[in-house]
Amino acid sequence: MTHVNRSGLFSFFLVPLSVALILFGIFSIVWLRSSVRTAEYSIAALDHRRMEILRDRKTLMAEKAGLLSIQSVKSKGSGKLALVFPDRIKVVYVKKDGKNTPFKASLEGRQLSGP
């Protein structure tokens, strides 16, 4: 009986293929870890920038509140522009309702002007 040794042909292809797969797996794991590390660094940089922007926003909001305060407006308006706040007794409030609309003057009579 003759026995053909197929394990030699099988191991001839299997050993280099398994070595190539192991090397590919190692390099892919290294590449994946470096990609994750790069993503972590970019996320940390963006988070740092976000914190700086929030700090600047808080500073600007405080500056805006200071500029829009009544005392600031009163001092700047009375100094440069000679503006004064009106007396509360002399202030008239006009309520806007839909009943008072302008009329169109024509020979046909008084009609409401359309929008």
PDB file of N, CA and C in Angstrom:
ATOM      1  N   MET A   1       0.819  -1.154   0.000  1.00  0.00           N
ATOM      2  CA  MET A   1       0.000   0.000   0.000  1.00  0.00           C
ATOM      3  C   MET A   1       0.874   1.232   0.000  1.00  0.00           C
ATOM      4  N   THR A   2       0.445   2.075  -0.836  1.00  0.00           N
ATOM      5  CA  THR A   2       1.177   3.326  -0.908  1.00  0.00           C
ATOM      6  C   THR A   2       0.357   4.405  -0.226  1.00  0.00           C
ATOM      7  N   HIS A   3       1.016   5.171   0.552  1.00  0.00           N
ATOM      8  CA  HIS A   3       0.330   6.240   1.275  1.00  0.00           C
ATOM      9  C   HIS A   3       0.925   7.568   0.826  1.00  0.00           C
ATOM     10  N   VAL A   4       0.067   8.440   0.300  1.00  0.00           N
ATOM     11  CA  VAL A   4       0.514   9.742  -0.170  1.00  0.00           C
ATOM     12  C   VAL A   4       0.503  10.696   1.032  1.00  0.00           C
ATOM     13  N   ASN A   5       1.595  11.355   1.260  1.00  0.00           N
ATOM     14  CA  ASN A   5       1.724  12.267   2.395  1.00  0.00           C
ATOM     15  C   ASN A   5       1.184  13.640   1.997  1.00  0.00           C
ATOM     16  N   ARG A   6      -0.067  13.867   2.342  1.00  0.00           N
ATOM     17  CA  ARG A   6      -0.688  15.147   2.019  1.00  0.00           C
ATOM     18  C   ARG A   6      -0.399  16.190   3.100  1.00  0.00           C
ATOM     19  N   SER A   7       0.042  15.780   4.224  1.00  0.00           N
ATOM     20  CA  SER A   7       0.314  16.734   5.293  1.00  0.00           C
ATOM     21  C   SER A   7       1.487  17.633   4.934  1.00  0.00           C
ATOM     22  N   GLY A   8       2.404  17.184   4.127  1.00  0.00           N
ATOM     23  CA  GLY A   8       3.519  18.025   3.705  1.00  0.00           C
ATOM     24  C   GLY A   8       3.038  19.159   2.823  1.00  0.00           C
ATOM     25  N   LEU A   9       2.139  18.883   1.886  1.00  0.00           N
ATOM     26  CA  LEU A   9       1.579  19.915   1.025  1.00  0.00           C
ATOM     27  C   LEU A   9       0.679  20.850   1.828  1.00  0.00           C
ATOM     28  N   PHE A  10      -0.082  20.269   2.766  1.00  0.00           N
ATOM     29  CA  PHE A  10      -0.968  21.063   3.611  1.00  0.00           C
ATOM     30  C   PHE A  10      -0.166  21.989   4.523  1.00  0.00           C
ATOM     31  N   SER A  11       0.867  21.473   5.124  1.00  0.00           N
ATOM     32  CA  SER A  11       1.683  22.307   6.004  1.00  0.00           C
ATOM     33  C   SER A  11       2.507  23.302   5.199  1.00  0.00           C
ATOM     34  N   PHE A  12       2.788  23.001   3.951  1.00  0.00           N
ATOM     35  CA  PHE A  12       3.541  23.918   3.098  1.00  0.00           C
ATOM     36  C   PHE A  12       2.750  25.216   2.869  1.00  0.00           C
ATOM     37  N   PHE A  13       1.428  25.123   2.753  1.00  0.00           N
ATOM     38  CA  PHE A  13       0.586  26.315   2.584  1.00  0.00           C
ATOM     39  C   PHE A  13       0.067  26.858   3.920  1.00  0.00           C
ATOM     40  N   LEU A  14      -0.175  25.971   4.856  1.00  0.00           N
ATOM     41  CA  LEU A  14      -0.789  26.379   6.113  1.00  0.00           C
ATOM     42  C   LEU A  14       0.158  27.172   7.007  1.00  0.00           C
ATOM     43  N   VAL A  15       1.388  26.791   7.102  1.00  0.00           N
ATOM     44  CA  VAL A  15       2.334  27.476   7.986  1.00  0.00           C
ATOM     45  C   VAL A  15       2.583  28.911   7.521  1.00  0.00           C
ATOM     46  N   PRO A  16       2.906  29.162   6.249  1.00  0.00           N
ATOM     47  CA  PRO A  16       3.095  30.567   5.849  1.00  0.00           C
ATOM     48  C   PRO A  16       1.802  31.388   5.945  1.00  0.00           C
ATOM     49  N   LEU A  17       0.671  30.746   5.652  1.00  0.00           N
ATOM     50  CA  LEU A  17      -0.604  31.456   5.750  1.00  0.00           C
ATOM     51  C   LEU A  17      -0.908  31.823   7.202  1.00  0.00           C
ATOM     52  N   SER A  18      -0.680  30.923   8.124  1.00  0.00           N
ATOM     53  CA  SER A  18      -0.931  31.227   9.536  1.00  0.00           C
ATOM     54  C   SER A  18       0.040  32.280  10.055  1.00  0.00           C
ATOM     55  N   VAL A  19       1.290  32.259   9.620  1.00  0.00           N
ATOM     56  CA  VAL A  19       2.253  33.287  10.021  1.00  0.00           C
ATOM     57  C   VAL A  19       1.823  34.644   9.470  1.00  0.00           C
ATOM     58  N   ALA A  20       1.365  34.660   8.215  1.00  0.00           N
ATOM     59  CA  ALA A  20       0.909  35.915   7.608  1.00  0.00           C
ATOM     60  C   ALA A  20      -0.325  36.449   8.335  1.00  0.00           C
ATOM     61  N   LEU A  21      -1.250  35.569   8.708  1.00  0.00           N
ATOM     62  CA  LEU A  21      -2.441  36.004   9.438  1.00  0.00           C
ATOM     63  C   LEU A  21      -2.088  36.532  10.827  1.00  0.00           C
ATOM     64  N   ILE A  22      -1.143  35.888  11.493  1.00  0.00           N
ATOM     65  CA  ILE A  22      -0.722  36.367  12.813  1.00  0.00           C
ATOM     66  C   ILE A  22      -0.063  37.735  12.695  1.00  0.00           C
ATOM     67  N   LEU A  23       0.811  37.921  11.703  1.00  0.00           N
ATOM     68  CA  LEU A  23       1.453  39.224  11.498  1.00  0.00           C
ATOM     69  C   LEU A  23       0.422  40.296  11.136  1.00  0.00           C
ATOM     70  N   PHE A  24      -0.522  39.940  10.278  1.00  0.00           N
ATOM     71  CA  PHE A  24      -1.575  40.883   9.913  1.00  0.00           C
ATOM     72  C   PHE A  24      -2.397  41.265  11.141  1.00  0.00           C
ATOM     73  N   GLY A  25      -2.717  40.291  11.986  1.00  0.00           N
ATOM     74  CA  GLY A  25      -3.471  40.569  13.201  1.00  0.00           C
ATOM     75  C   GLY A  25      -2.712  41.479  14.154  1.00  0.00           C
ATOM     76  N   ILE A  26      -1.420  41.240  14.311  1.00  0.00           N
ATOM     77  CA  ILE A  26      -0.610  42.083  15.199  1.00  0.00           C
ATOM     78  C   ILE A  26      -0.549  43.505  14.675  1.00  0.00           C
ATOM     79  N   PHE A  27      -0.279  43.664  13.375  1.00  0.00           N
ATOM     80  CA  PHE A  27      -0.201  45.011  12.804  1.00  0.00           C
ATOM     81  C   PHE A  27      -1.556  45.723  12.836  1.00  0.00           C
ATOM     82  N   SER A  28      -2.636  44.977  12.646  1.00  0.00           N
ATOM     83  CA  SER A  28      -3.953  45.622  12.703  1.00  0.00           C
ATOM     84  C   SER A  28      -4.283  46.061  14.129  1.00  0.00           C
ATOM     85  N   ILE A  29      -3.880  45.286  15.127  1.00  0.00           N
ATOM     86  CA  ILE A  29      -4.106  45.691  16.520  1.00  0.00           C
ATOM     87  C   ILE A  29      -3.292  46.930  16.854  1.00  0.00           C
ATOM     88  N   VAL A  30      -2.037  46.977  16.405  1.00  0.00           N
ATOM     89  CA  VAL A  30      -1.194  48.153  16.644  1.00  0.00           C
ATOM     90  C   VAL A  30      -1.783  49.373  15.947  1.00  0.00           C
ATOM     91  N   TRP A  31      -2.240  49.207  14.707  1.00  0.00           N
ATOM     92  CA  TRP A  31      -2.840  50.329  13.967  1.00  0.00           C
ATOM     93  C   TRP A  31      -4.112  50.813  14.657  1.00  0.00           C
ATOM     94  N   LEU A  32      -4.925  49.873  15.126  1.00  0.00           N
ATOM     95  CA  LEU A  32      -6.167  50.235  15.802  1.00  0.00           C
ATOM     96  C   LEU A  32      -5.886  50.999  17.098  1.00  0.00           C
ATOM     97  N   ARG A  33      -4.908  50.549  17.869  1.00  0.00           N
ATOM     98  CA  ARG A  33      -4.568  51.252  19.112  1.00  0.00           C
ATOM     99  C   ARG A  33      -4.033  52.647  18.830  1.00  0.00           C
ATOM    100  N   SER A  34      -3.219  52.787  17.776  1.00  0.00           N
ATOM    101  CA  SER A  34      -2.699  54.124  17.456  1.00  0.00           C
ATOM    102  C   SER A  34      -3.818  55.034  16.957  1.00  0.00           C
ATOM    103  N   SER A  35      -4.766  54.489  16.232  1.00  0.00           N
ATOM    104  CA  SER A  35      -5.904  55.296  15.773  1.00  0.00           C
ATOM    105  C   SER A  35      -6.766  55.747  16.949  1.00  0.00           C
ATOM    106  N   VAL A  36      -6.989  54.869  17.889  1.00  0.00           N
ATOM    107  CA  VAL A  36      -7.771  55.224  19.076  1.00  0.00           C
ATOM    108  C   VAL A  36      -7.034  56.278  19.887  1.00  0.00           C
ATOM    109  N   ARG A  37      -5.723  56.128  20.026  1.00  0.00           N
ATOM    110  CA  ARG A  37      -4.938  57.110  20.776  1.00  0.00           C
ATOM    111  C   ARG A  37      -4.980  58.473  20.091  1.00  0.00           C
ATOM    112  N   THR A  38      -4.892  58.500  18.760  1.00  0.00           N
ATOM    113  CA  THR A  38      -4.981  59.762  18.023  1.00  0.00           C
ATOM    114  C   THR A  38      -6.352  60.402  18.216  1.00  0.00           C
ATOM    115  N   ALA A  39      -7.396  59.592  18.183  1.00  0.00           N
ATOM    116  CA  ALA A  39      -8.749  60.117  18.408  1.00  0.00           C
ATOM    117  C   ALA A  39      -8.889  60.674  19.826  1.00  0.00           C
ATOM    118  N   GLU A  40      -8.282  60.013  20.803  1.00  0.00           N
ATOM    119  CA  GLU A  40      -8.331  60.521  22.180  1.00  0.00           C
ATOM    120  C   GLU A  40      -7.635  61.871  22.294  1.00  0.00           C
ATOM    121  N   TYR A  41      -6.490  62.017  21.644  1.00  0.00           N
ATOM    122  CA  TYR A  41      -5.776  63.292  21.688  1.00  0.00           C
ATOM    123  C   TYR A  41      -6.586  64.404  21.028  1.00  0.00           C
ATOM    124  N   SER A  42      -7.206  64.109  19.901  1.00  0.00           N
ATOM    125  CA  SER A  42      -7.996  65.146  19.232  1.00  0.00           C
ATOM    126  C   SER A  42      -9.244  65.495  20.052  1.00  0.00           C
ATOM    127  N   ILE A  43      -9.846  64.518  20.709  1.00  0.00           N
ATOM    128  CA  ILE A  43     -10.998  64.798  21.573  1.00  0.00           C
ATOM    129  C   ILE A  43     -10.572  65.652  22.760  1.00  0.00           C
ATOM    130  N   ALA A  44      -9.410  65.361  23.331  1.00  0.00           N
ATOM    131  CA  ALA A  44      -8.915  66.159  24.459  1.00  0.00           C
ATOM    132  C   ALA A  44      -8.627  67.593  24.026  1.00  0.00           C
ATOM    133  N   ALA A  45      -8.057  67.763  22.828  1.00  0.00           N
ATOM    134  CA  ALA A  45      -7.780  69.116  22.329  1.00  0.00           C
ATOM    135  C   ALA A  45      -9.079  69.879  22.094  1.00  0.00           C
ATOM    136  N   LEU A  46     -10.083  69.214  21.530  1.00  0.00           N
ATOM    137  CA  LEU A  46     -11.371  69.868  21.302  1.00  0.00           C
ATOM    138  C   LEU A  46     -12.064  70.203  22.625  1.00  0.00           C
ATOM    139  N   ASP A  47     -11.942  69.340  23.605  1.00  0.00           N
ATOM    140  CA  ASP A  47     -12.537  69.621  24.909  1.00  0.00           C
ATOM    141  C   ASP A  47     -11.845  70.808  25.573  1.00  0.00           C
ATOM    142  N   HIS A  48     -10.533  70.892  25.430  1.00  0.00           N
ATOM    143  CA  HIS A  48      -9.796  72.037  25.972  1.00  0.00           C
ATOM    144  C   HIS A  48     -10.241  73.328  25.291  1.00  0.00           C
ATOM    145  N   ARG A  49     -10.413  73.266  23.980  1.00  0.00           N
ATOM    146  CA  ARG A  49     -10.862  74.454  23.243  1.00  0.00           C
ATOM    147  C   ARG A  49     -12.288  74.840  23.647  1.00  0.00           C
ATOM    148  N   ARG A  50     -13.141  73.839  23.866  1.00  0.00           N
ATOM    149  CA  ARG A  50     -14.513  74.112  24.301  1.00  0.00           C
ATOM    150  C   ARG A  50     -14.523  74.807  25.657  1.00  0.00           C
ATOM    151  N   MET A  51     -13.660  74.369  26.557  1.00  0.00           N
ATOM    152  CA  MET A  51     -13.583  75.006  27.873  1.00  0.00           C
ATOM    153  C   MET A  51     -13.108  76.451  27.752  1.00  0.00           C
ATOM    154  N   GLU A  52     -12.148  76.708  26.863  1.00  0.00           N
ATOM    155  CA  GLU A  52     -11.691  78.082  26.643  1.00  0.00           C
ATOM    156  C   GLU A  52     -12.811  78.948  26.078  1.00  0.00           C
ATOM    157  N   ILE A  53     -13.568  78.402  25.138  1.00  0.00           N
ATOM    158  CA  ILE A  53     -14.668  79.156  24.532  1.00  0.00           C
ATOM    159  C   ILE A  53     -15.751  79.443  25.572  1.00  0.00           C
ATOM    160  N   LEU A  54     -16.061  78.470  26.433  1.00  0.00           N
ATOM    161  CA  LEU A  54     -17.051  78.705  27.486  1.00  0.00           C
ATOM    162  C   LEU A  54     -16.567  79.771  28.463  1.00  0.00           C
ATOM    163  N   ARG A  55     -15.278  79.761  28.775  1.00  0.00           N
ATOM    164  CA  ARG A  55     -14.724  80.782  29.665  1.00  0.00           C
ATOM    165  C   ARG A  55     -14.830  82.157  29.015  1.00  0.00           C
ATOM    166  N   ASP A  56     -14.497  82.233  27.715  1.00  0.00           N
ATOM    167  CA  ASP A  56     -14.627  83.504  26.999  1.00  0.00           C
ATOM    168  C   ASP A  56     -16.082  83.958  26.936  1.00  0.00           C
ATOM    169  N   ARG A  57     -16.994  83.009  26.769  1.00  0.00           N
ATOM    170  CA  ARG A  57     -18.419  83.344  26.698  1.00  0.00           C
ATOM    171  C   ARG A  57     -18.903  83.927  28.021  1.00  0.00           C
ATOM    172  N   LYS A  58     -18.478  83.312  29.126  1.00  0.00           N
ATOM    173  CA  LYS A  58     -18.868  83.845  30.432  1.00  0.00           C
ATOM    174  C   LYS A  58     -18.313  85.247  30.637  1.00  0.00           C
ATOM    175  N   THR A  59     -17.073  85.453  30.198  1.00  0.00           N
ATOM    176  CA  THR A  59     -16.473  86.783  30.325  1.00  0.00           C
ATOM    177  C   THR A  59     -17.241  87.802  29.501  1.00  0.00           C
ATOM    178  N   LEU A  60     -17.599  87.430  28.273  1.00  0.00           N
ATOM    179  CA  LEU A  60     -18.346  88.345  27.411  1.00  0.00           C
ATOM    180  C   LEU A  60     -19.746  88.620  27.953  1.00  0.00           C
ATOM    181  N   MET A  61     -20.386  87.613  28.517  1.00  0.00           N
ATOM    182  CA  MET A  61     -21.719  87.829  29.099  1.00  0.00           C
ATOM    183  C   MET A  61     -21.640  88.784  30.288  1.00  0.00           C
ATOM    184  N   ALA A  62     -20.598  88.644  31.103  1.00  0.00           N
ATOM    185  CA  ALA A  62     -20.434  89.556  32.236  1.00  0.00           C
ATOM    186  C   ALA A  62     -20.144  90.972  31.744  1.00  0.00           C
ATOM    187  N   GLU A  63     -19.338  91.073  30.698  1.00  0.00           N
ATOM    188  CA  GLU A  63     -19.041  92.393  30.137  1.00  0.00           C
ATOM    189  C   GLU A  63     -20.292  93.024  29.533  1.00  0.00           C
ATOM    190  N   LYS A  64     -21.110  92.208  28.857  1.00  0.00           N
ATOM    191  CA  LYS A  64     -22.356  92.706  28.271  1.00  0.00           C
ATOM    192  C   LYS A  64     -23.310  93.176  29.361  1.00  0.00           C
ATOM    193  N   ALA A  65     -23.407  92.405  30.434  1.00  0.00           N
ATOM    194  CA  ALA A  65     -24.283  92.800  31.541  1.00  0.00           C
ATOM    195  C   ALA A  65     -23.808  94.103  32.164  1.00  0.00           C
ATOM    196  N   GLY A  66     -22.498  94.276  32.243  1.00  0.00           N
ATOM    197  CA  GLY A  66     -21.974  95.524  32.783  1.00  0.00           C
ATOM    198  C   GLY A  66     -22.254  96.703  31.880  1.00  0.00           C
ATOM    199  N   LEU A  67     -22.156  96.475  30.570  1.00  0.00           N
ATOM    200  CA  LEU A  67     -22.403  97.567  29.631  1.00  0.00           C
ATOM    201  C   LEU A  67     -23.876  97.933  29.537  1.00  0.00           C
ATOM    202  N   LEU A  68     -24.757  96.959  29.737  1.00  0.00           N
ATOM    203  CA  LEU A  68     -26.189  97.215  29.612  1.00  0.00           C
ATOM    204  C   LEU A  68     -26.855  97.565  30.937  1.00  0.00           C
ATOM    205  N   SER A  69     -26.094  97.675  31.996  1.00  0.00           N
ATOM    206  CA  SER A  69     -26.703  98.015  33.281  1.00  0.00           C
ATOM    207  C   SER A  69     -27.244  99.443  33.231  1.00  0.00           C
ATOM    208  N   ILE A  70     -28.237  99.703  34.039  1.00  0.00           N
ATOM    209  CA  ILE A  70     -28.897 101.013  34.040  1.00  0.00           C
ATOM    210  C   ILE A  70     -27.921 102.117  34.425  1.00  0.00           C
ATOM    211  N   GLN A  71     -27.081 101.859  35.404  1.00  0.00           N
ATOM    212  CA  GLN A  71     -26.129 102.888  35.834  1.00  0.00           C
ATOM    213  C   GLN A  71     -25.159 103.235  34.713  1.00  0.00           C
ATOM    214  N   SER A  72     -24.706 102.222  33.977  1.00  0.00           N
ATOM    215  CA  SER A  72     -23.772 102.474  32.880  1.00  0.00           C
ATOM    216  C   SER A  72     -24.447 103.253  31.763  1.00  0.00           C
ATOM    217  N   VAL A  73     -25.673 102.855  31.418  1.00  0.00           N
ATOM    218  CA  VAL A  73     -26.405 103.558  30.360  1.00  0.00           C
ATOM    219  C   VAL A  73     -26.714 104.984  30.794  1.00  0.00           C
ATOM    220  N   LYS A  74     -27.091 105.145  32.051  1.00  0.00           N
ATOM    221  CA  LYS A  74     -27.425 106.481  32.550  1.00  0.00           C
ATOM    222  C   LYS A  74     -26.198 107.387  32.534  1.00  0.00           C
ATOM    223  N   SER A  75     -25.048 106.868  32.958  1.00  0.00           N
ATOM    224  CA  SER A  75     -23.848 107.718  33.003  1.00  0.00           C
ATOM    225  C   SER A  75     -23.344 108.045  31.602  1.00  0.00           C
ATOM    226  N   LYS A  76     -23.373 107.094  30.699  1.00  0.00           N
ATOM    227  CA  LYS A  76     -22.905 107.364  29.335  1.00  0.00           C
ATOM    228  C   LYS A  76     -23.885 108.239  28.571  1.00  0.00           C
ATOM    229  N   GLY A  77     -25.172 108.004  28.760  1.00  0.00           N
ATOM    230  CA  GLY A  77     -26.176 108.793  28.052  1.00  0.00           C
ATOM    231  C   GLY A  77     -26.241 110.221  28.533  1.00  0.00           C
ATOM    232  N   SER A  78     -26.120 110.426  29.815  1.00  0.00           N
ATOM    233  CA  SER A  78     -26.197 111.792  30.328  1.00  0.00           C
ATOM    234  C   SER A  78     -24.909 112.556  30.059  1.00  0.00           C
ATOM    235  N   GLY A  79     -23.797 111.868  29.960  1.00  0.00           N
ATOM    236  CA  GLY A  79     -22.525 112.550  29.744  1.00  0.00           C
ATOM    237  C   GLY A  79     -22.306 112.952  28.300  1.00  0.00           C
ATOM    238  N   LYS A  80     -22.330 112.014  27.399  1.00  0.00           N
ATOM    239  CA  LYS A  80     -21.990 112.289  25.997  1.00  0.00           C
ATOM    240  C   LYS A  80     -23.172 112.809  25.189  1.00  0.00           C
ATOM    241  N   LEU A  81     -24.333 112.200  25.368  1.00  0.00           N
ATOM    242  CA  LEU A  81     -25.469 112.502  24.499  1.00  0.00           C
ATOM    243  C   LEU A  81     -26.511 113.410  25.135  1.00  0.00           C
ATOM    244  N   ALA A  82     -26.351 113.762  26.365  1.00  0.00           N
ATOM    245  CA  ALA A  82     -27.287 114.609  27.109  1.00  0.00           C
ATOM    246  C   ALA A  82     -28.689 114.005  27.134  1.00  0.00           C
ATOM    247  N   LEU A  83     -28.747 112.701  27.344  1.00  0.00           N
ATOM    248  CA  LEU A  83     -30.034 112.010  27.450  1.00  0.00           C
ATOM    249  C   LEU A  83     -30.447 111.939  28.911  1.00  0.00           C
ATOM    250  N   VAL A  84     -31.749 111.980  29.138  1.00  0.00           N
ATOM    251  CA  VAL A  84     -32.285 111.846  30.491  1.00  0.00           C
ATOM    252  C   VAL A  84     -33.389 110.804  30.465  1.00  0.00           C
ATOM    253  N   PHE A  85     -33.579 110.134  31.593  1.00  0.00           N
ATOM    254  CA  PHE A  85     -34.670 109.184  31.694  1.00  0.00           C
ATOM    255  C   PHE A  85     -35.971 109.949  31.880  1.00  0.00           C
ATOM    256  N   PRO A  86     -37.065 109.488  31.265  1.00  0.00           N
ATOM    257  CA  PRO A  86     -38.335 110.212  31.390  1.00  0.00           C
ATOM    258  C   PRO A  86     -38.931 110.039  32.780  1.00  0.00           C
ATOM    259  N   ASP A  87     -39.741 111.016  33.140  1.00  0.00           N
ATOM    260  CA  ASP A  87     -40.458 110.939  34.401  1.00  0.00           C
ATOM    261  C   ASP A  87     -41.555 109.886  34.250  1.00  0.00           C
ATOM    262  N   ARG A  88     -41.748 109.064  35.266  1.00  0.00           N
ATOM    263  CA  ARG A  88     -42.729 107.982  35.165  1.00  0.00           C
ATOM    264  C   ARG A  88     -44.154 108.500  35.048  1.00  0.00           C
ATOM    265  N   ILE A  89     -44.407 109.664  35.547  1.00  0.00           N
ATOM    266  CA  ILE A  89     -45.757 110.231  35.471  1.00  0.00           C
ATOM    267  C   ILE A  89     -46.064 110.670  34.049  1.00  0.00           C
ATOM    268  N   LYS A  90     -45.070 111.111  33.316  1.00  0.00           N
ATOM    269  CA  LYS A  90     -45.287 111.638  31.971  1.00  0.00           C
ATOM    270  C   LYS A  90     -45.221 110.566  30.879  1.00  0.00           C
ATOM    271  N   VAL A  91     -45.001 109.330  31.241  1.00  0.00           N
ATOM    272  CA  VAL A  91     -44.905 108.254  30.259  1.00  0.00           C
ATOM    273  C   VAL A  91     -46.299 107.760  29.914  1.00  0.00           C
ATOM    274  N   VAL A  92     -46.573 107.619  28.610  1.00  0.00           N
ATOM    275  CA  VAL A  92     -47.862 107.134  28.136  1.00  0.00           C
ATOM    276  C   VAL A  92     -47.627 105.801  27.437  1.00  0.00           C
ATOM    277  N   TYR A  93     -48.384 104.787  27.824  1.00  0.00           N
ATOM    278  CA  TYR A  93     -48.283 103.480  27.206  1.00  0.00           C
ATOM    279  C   TYR A  93     -49.417 103.320  26.207  1.00  0.00           C
ATOM    280  N   VAL A  94     -49.100 102.908  24.996  1.00  0.00           N
ATOM    281  CA  VAL A  94     -50.095 102.711  23.952  1.00  0.00           C
ATOM    282  C   VAL A  94     -50.226 101.213  23.733  1.00  0.00           C
ATOM    283  N   LYS A  95     -51.439 100.713  23.920  1.00  0.00           N
ATOM    284  CA  LYS A  95     -51.684  99.297  23.710  1.00  0.00           C
ATOM    285  C   LYS A  95     -52.030  99.068  22.249  1.00  0.00           C
ATOM    286  N   LYS A  96     -51.443  98.034  21.699  1.00  0.00           N
ATOM    287  CA  LYS A  96     -51.698  97.725  20.296  1.00  0.00           C
ATOM    288  C   LYS A  96     -52.740  96.618  20.237  1.00  0.00           C
ATOM    289  N   ASP A  97     -53.822  96.889  19.564  1.00  0.00           N
ATOM    290  CA  ASP A  97     -54.832  95.872  19.337  1.00  0.00           C
ATOM    291  C   ASP A  97     -55.212  95.890  17.864  1.00  0.00           C
ATOM    292  N   GLY A  98     -55.937  94.919  17.429  1.00  0.00           N
ATOM    293  CA  GLY A  98     -56.284  94.807  16.014  1.00  0.00           C
ATOM    294  C   GLY A  98     -57.412  95.712  15.580  1.00  0.00           C
ATOM    295  N   LYS A  99     -58.046  96.423  16.503  1.00  0.00           N
ATOM    296  CA  LYS A  99     -59.200  97.252  16.151  1.00  0.00           C
ATOM    297  C   LYS A  99     -58.790  98.551  15.478  1.00  0.00           C
ATOM    298  N   ASN A 100     -57.711  99.119  15.879  1.00  0.00           N
ATOM    299  CA  ASN A 100     -57.286 100.400  15.326  1.00  0.00           C
ATOM    300  C   ASN A 100     -56.347 100.158  14.149  1.00  0.00           C
ATOM    301  N   THR A 101     -56.909 100.162  12.960  1.00  0.00           N
ATOM    302  CA  THR A 101     -56.109  99.978  11.751  1.00  0.00           C
ATOM    303  C   THR A 101     -56.270 101.203  10.871  1.00  0.00           C
ATOM    304  N   PRO A 102     -55.324 101.475  10.023  1.00  0.00           N
ATOM    305  CA  PRO A 102     -55.435 102.660   9.161  1.00  0.00           C
ATOM    306  C   PRO A 102     -56.529 102.480   8.107  1.00  0.00           C
ATOM    307  N   PHE A 103     -57.141 103.593   7.736  1.00  0.00           N
ATOM    308  CA  PHE A 103     -58.183 103.589   6.714  1.00  0.00           C
ATOM    309  C   PHE A 103     -57.625 104.129   5.417  1.00  0.00           C
ATOM    310  N   LYS A 104     -58.212 103.678   4.323  1.00  0.00           N
ATOM    311  CA  LYS A 104     -57.813 104.175   3.014  1.00  0.00           C
ATOM    312  C   LYS A 104     -58.799 105.266   2.603  1.00  0.00           C
ATOM    313  N   ALA A 105     -58.279 106.392   2.190  1.00  0.00           N
ATOM    314  CA  ALA A 105     -59.139 107.496   1.751  1.00  0.00           C
ATOM    315  C   ALA A 105     -59.479 107.287   0.282  1.00  0.00           C
ATOM    316  N   SER A 106     -60.762 107.211  -0.011  1.00  0.00           N
ATOM    317  CA  SER A 106     -61.190 107.068  -1.401  1.00  0.00           C
ATOM    318  C   SER A 106     -62.590 107.653  -1.532  1.00  0.00           C
ATOM    319  N   LEU A 107     -63.048 107.753  -2.763  1.00  0.00           N
ATOM    320  CA  LEU A 107     -64.383 108.278  -3.005  1.00  0.00           C
ATOM    321  C   LEU A 107     -65.455 107.242  -2.699  1.00  0.00           C
ATOM    322  N   GLU A 108     -65.082 105.999  -2.610  1.00  0.00           N
ATOM    323  CA  GLU A 108     -66.043 104.927  -2.376  1.00  0.00           C
ATOM    324  C   GLU A 108     -66.449 104.831  -0.910  1.00  0.00           C
ATOM    325  N   GLY A 109     -65.777 105.484  -0.081  1.00  0.00           N
ATOM    326  CA  GLY A 109     -66.110 105.414   1.338  1.00  0.00           C
ATOM    327  C   GLY A 109     -64.892 104.966   2.136  1.00  0.00           C
ATOM    328  N   ARG A 110     -65.105 104.914   3.402  1.00  0.00           N
ATOM    329  CA  ARG A 110     -63.987 104.521   4.251  1.00  0.00           C
ATOM    330  C   ARG A 110     -63.927 103.001   4.314  1.00  0.00           C
ATOM    331  N   GLN A 111     -62.791 102.474   3.907  1.00  0.00           N
ATOM    332  CA  GLN A 111     -62.581 101.029   3.931  1.00  0.00           C
ATOM    333  C   GLN A 111     -61.256 100.749   4.629  1.00  0.00           C
ATOM    334  N   LEU A 112     -61.215  99.610   5.220  1.00  0.00           N
ATOM    335  CA  LEU A 112     -59.957  99.209   5.849  1.00  0.00           C
ATOM    336  C   LEU A 112     -58.931  98.902   4.774  1.00  0.00           C
ATOM    337  N   SER A 113     -57.737  99.377   4.997  1.00  0.00           N
ATOM    338  CA  SER A 113     -56.675  99.032   4.045  1.00  0.00           C
ATOM    339  C   SER A 113     -56.157  97.651   4.395  1.00  0.00           C
ATOM    340  N   GLY A 114     -55.982  96.857   3.391  1.00  0.00           N
ATOM    341  CA  GLY A 114     -55.502  95.494   3.592  1.00  0.00           C
ATOM    342  C   GLY A 114     -53.996  95.464   3.786  1.00  0.00           C
ATOM    343  N   PRO A 115     -53.519  94.416   4.349  1.00  0.00           N
ATOM    344  CA  PRO A 115     -52.077  94.314   4.579  1.00  0.00           C
ATOM    345  C   PRO A 115     -51.301  94.108   3.301  1.00  0.00           C
TER     346      PRO A 115
END
